[in-house]
Every structure is written in structure tokens, then in C-alpha cells.
């Protein structure tokens, strides 16, 4: 039984299509961006994300204090 089920109908959905963008060195290091972004804005956001990809927690070992159990 998933406790999130009762909230499923209240979840917010994106108003536009999303595109997966790889921001890290590995194929699984992605994030989603809206496809309606102007090209220049999209380019700037991707650059910022790539420049700071080392700040993201990609796996439990990237989060000090979290039990990898």
C-alpha cells in the first residue's frame, strides 16, 4: 500500500512537454527542462546546471549522513 496514492489526483503536472538533459558525466545524470524555453534561456540554464553538476546527489553515497542500507 503506497501512502502517496491518496494524493495522486492532487499532484501538479507540467504544463508543457519535458526534455531530458544530461548534465553530468554519466548517462544517468539527467534533469528535465521544459521544451517551451527560449533557446538562449535554455542554453544558459544547461550551462549553469553542467557547471554545478558536482553539487547534485546522484547516489546515496553523495549524501553524507545518509545510511546507504
N, C-alpha and C. Protein backbone atom coordinates (compact mmCIF):
# COMPACT_ATOMS: atom_id res chain seq x y z
N UNK A 1 0.84 -1.18 0.00
CA UNK A 1 0.00 0.00 0.00
C UNK A 1 0.89 1.25 0.00
N UNK A 2 0.70 2.08 -0.99
CA UNK A 2 1.51 3.28 -1.15
C UNK A 2 0.77 4.48 -0.54
N UNK A 3 1.35 5.12 0.50
CA UNK A 3 0.66 6.25 1.13
C UNK A 3 0.47 7.45 0.20
N UNK A 4 1.19 7.47 -0.91
CA UNK A 4 1.06 8.59 -1.85
C UNK A 4 -0.17 8.47 -2.73
N UNK A 5 -0.79 7.28 -2.77
CA UNK A 5 -1.92 7.05 -3.67
C UNK A 5 -3.07 8.02 -3.44
N UNK A 6 -3.35 8.35 -2.18
CA UNK A 6 -4.49 9.23 -1.91
C UNK A 6 -4.26 10.64 -2.44
N UNK A 7 -3.02 11.01 -2.71
CA UNK A 7 -2.71 12.35 -3.22
C UNK A 7 -2.46 12.36 -4.73
N UNK A 8 -2.57 11.21 -5.37
CA UNK A 8 -2.26 11.08 -6.80
C UNK A 8 -3.06 12.08 -7.64
N UNK A 9 -4.33 12.27 -7.33
CA UNK A 9 -5.16 13.17 -8.13
C UNK A 9 -4.87 14.65 -7.85
N UNK A 10 -4.07 14.96 -6.83
CA UNK A 10 -3.75 16.34 -6.48
C UNK A 10 -2.35 16.75 -6.91
N UNK A 11 -1.64 15.86 -7.55
CA UNK A 11 -0.28 16.19 -7.98
C UNK A 11 -0.30 17.19 -9.13
N UNK A 12 0.64 18.08 -9.12
CA UNK A 12 0.76 19.08 -10.18
C UNK A 12 1.49 18.46 -11.36
N UNK A 13 0.99 18.71 -12.55
CA UNK A 13 1.63 18.21 -13.77
C UNK A 13 2.24 19.38 -14.53
N UNK A 14 3.31 19.12 -15.27
CA UNK A 14 3.90 20.20 -16.09
C UNK A 14 2.90 20.68 -17.14
N UNK A 15 2.96 21.95 -17.47
CA UNK A 15 2.04 22.49 -18.48
C UNK A 15 2.61 22.37 -19.89
N UNK A 16 3.83 21.90 -19.99
CA UNK A 16 4.47 21.73 -21.29
C UNK A 16 5.22 20.41 -21.31
N UNK A 17 5.63 19.99 -22.48
CA UNK A 17 6.43 18.77 -22.59
C UNK A 17 7.79 19.01 -21.95
N UNK A 18 8.37 17.92 -21.44
CA UNK A 18 9.68 17.99 -20.81
C UNK A 18 10.70 17.23 -21.64
N UNK A 19 11.92 17.68 -21.58
CA UNK A 19 13.03 17.06 -22.30
C UNK A 19 14.09 16.67 -21.27
N UNK A 20 14.62 15.45 -21.38
CA UNK A 20 15.70 15.01 -20.51
C UNK A 20 17.01 15.59 -21.03
N UNK A 21 17.78 16.18 -20.13
CA UNK A 21 19.06 16.79 -20.49
C UNK A 21 20.13 16.19 -19.58
N UNK A 22 21.17 15.64 -20.19
CA UNK A 22 22.28 15.10 -19.40
C UNK A 22 23.16 16.25 -18.94
N UNK A 23 23.33 16.35 -17.61
CA UNK A 23 24.13 17.46 -17.08
C UNK A 23 25.40 16.98 -16.41
N UNK A 24 25.52 15.68 -16.17
CA UNK A 24 26.72 15.12 -15.56
C UNK A 24 27.52 14.32 -16.57
N UNK A 25 28.57 13.68 -16.09
CA UNK A 25 29.44 12.90 -16.97
C UNK A 25 28.84 11.56 -17.36
N UNK A 26 27.87 11.07 -16.60
CA UNK A 26 27.30 9.75 -16.82
C UNK A 26 25.88 9.86 -17.37
N UNK A 27 25.46 8.88 -18.18
CA UNK A 27 24.14 8.94 -18.81
C UNK A 27 22.97 9.07 -17.83
N UNK A 28 23.11 8.57 -16.61
CA UNK A 28 22.00 8.65 -15.65
C UNK A 28 21.93 10.01 -14.94
N UNK A 29 22.87 10.87 -15.18
CA UNK A 29 22.90 12.18 -14.52
C UNK A 29 22.15 13.20 -15.38
N UNK A 30 20.82 13.13 -15.26
CA UNK A 30 19.96 13.97 -16.09
C UNK A 30 19.00 14.79 -15.23
N UNK A 31 18.42 15.77 -15.87
CA UNK A 31 17.32 16.52 -15.29
C UNK A 31 16.34 16.83 -16.42
N UNK A 32 15.18 17.35 -16.08
CA UNK A 32 14.17 17.67 -17.08
C UNK A 32 14.03 19.18 -17.22
N UNK A 33 13.91 19.61 -18.46
CA UNK A 33 13.67 21.02 -18.77
C UNK A 33 12.44 21.12 -19.66
N UNK A 34 11.69 22.19 -19.49
CA UNK A 34 10.53 22.42 -20.34
C UNK A 34 10.96 22.72 -21.77
N UNK A 35 10.20 22.21 -22.72
CA UNK A 35 10.55 22.40 -24.13
C UNK A 35 10.17 23.78 -24.66
N UNK A 36 9.39 24.54 -23.90
CA UNK A 36 8.96 25.86 -24.37
C UNK A 36 9.94 26.98 -24.02
N UNK A 37 11.04 26.63 -23.36
CA UNK A 37 12.04 27.66 -23.02
C UNK A 37 12.65 28.25 -24.29
N UNK A 38 12.85 29.55 -24.32
CA UNK A 38 13.57 30.13 -25.46
C UNK A 38 15.00 29.55 -25.50
N UNK A 39 15.55 29.41 -26.70
CA UNK A 39 16.86 28.76 -26.87
C UNK A 39 17.96 29.38 -26.02
N UNK A 40 18.03 30.70 -25.97
CA UNK A 40 19.10 31.36 -25.21
C UNK A 40 18.95 31.07 -23.72
N UNK A 41 17.73 31.12 -23.22
CA UNK A 41 17.48 30.83 -21.81
C UNK A 41 17.80 29.37 -21.50
N UNK A 42 17.39 28.48 -22.38
CA UNK A 42 17.66 27.05 -22.23
C UNK A 42 19.17 26.80 -22.17
N UNK A 43 19.91 27.43 -23.07
CA UNK A 43 21.36 27.27 -23.12
C UNK A 43 22.01 27.74 -21.82
N UNK A 44 21.57 28.87 -21.29
CA UNK A 44 22.13 29.41 -20.05
C UNK A 44 21.84 28.48 -18.86
N UNK A 45 20.61 27.98 -18.79
CA UNK A 45 20.25 27.08 -17.69
C UNK A 45 21.07 25.80 -17.75
N UNK A 46 21.22 25.22 -18.93
CA UNK A 46 22.00 23.99 -19.08
C UNK A 46 23.45 24.24 -18.68
N UNK A 47 24.01 25.37 -19.07
CA UNK A 47 25.39 25.69 -18.69
C UNK A 47 25.54 25.77 -17.18
N UNK A 48 24.63 26.46 -16.52
CA UNK A 48 24.68 26.57 -15.06
C UNK A 48 24.58 25.19 -14.41
N UNK A 49 23.65 24.37 -14.89
CA UNK A 49 23.49 23.03 -14.33
C UNK A 49 24.74 22.18 -14.53
N UNK A 50 25.31 22.23 -15.73
CA UNK A 50 26.53 21.45 -16.01
C UNK A 50 27.71 21.95 -15.18
N UNK A 51 27.83 23.26 -15.05
CA UNK A 51 28.93 23.84 -14.26
C UNK A 51 28.83 23.44 -12.78
N UNK A 52 27.63 23.12 -12.34
CA UNK A 52 27.40 22.79 -10.93
C UNK A 52 26.94 21.35 -10.72
N UNK A 53 27.16 20.49 -11.69
CA UNK A 53 26.70 19.10 -11.61
C UNK A 53 27.28 18.37 -10.40
N UNK A 54 28.44 18.79 -9.94
CA UNK A 54 29.06 18.13 -8.78
C UNK A 54 28.31 18.43 -7.48
N UNK A 55 27.38 19.36 -7.49
CA UNK A 55 26.61 19.68 -6.29
C UNK A 55 25.38 18.79 -6.12
N UNK A 56 25.01 18.05 -7.18
CA UNK A 56 23.85 17.18 -7.12
C UNK A 56 24.20 15.86 -6.44
N UNK A 57 23.24 15.30 -5.73
CA UNK A 57 23.40 13.98 -5.13
C UNK A 57 22.85 12.95 -6.11
N UNK A 58 23.75 12.24 -6.78
CA UNK A 58 23.35 11.28 -7.80
C UNK A 58 23.13 9.89 -7.21
N UNK A 59 23.70 9.63 -6.05
CA UNK A 59 23.56 8.32 -5.40
C UNK A 59 23.65 8.54 -3.89
N UNK A 60 23.21 7.57 -3.10
CA UNK A 60 23.22 7.75 -1.64
C UNK A 60 24.58 8.13 -1.08
N UNK A 61 25.66 7.61 -1.64
CA UNK A 61 26.99 7.92 -1.11
C UNK A 61 27.38 9.39 -1.32
N UNK A 62 26.64 10.10 -2.18
CA UNK A 62 26.88 11.53 -2.39
C UNK A 62 26.25 12.38 -1.27
N UNK A 63 25.50 11.74 -0.37
CA UNK A 63 24.80 12.46 0.69
C UNK A 63 25.37 12.05 2.04
N UNK A 64 26.32 12.81 2.58
CA UNK A 64 26.90 12.47 3.88
C UNK A 64 25.81 12.36 4.95
N UNK A 65 25.94 11.34 5.77
CA UNK A 65 24.98 11.15 6.85
C UNK A 65 23.78 10.31 6.49
N UNK A 66 23.63 9.95 5.22
CA UNK A 66 22.51 9.11 4.79
C UNK A 66 22.97 7.66 4.79
N UNK A 67 22.21 6.80 5.46
CA UNK A 67 22.55 5.38 5.52
C UNK A 67 22.29 4.75 4.15
N UNK A 68 23.30 4.13 3.58
CA UNK A 68 23.18 3.51 2.26
C UNK A 68 22.47 2.17 2.33
N UNK A 69 22.18 1.70 3.53
CA UNK A 69 21.48 0.49 3.88
C UNK A 69 21.24 -0.44 2.83
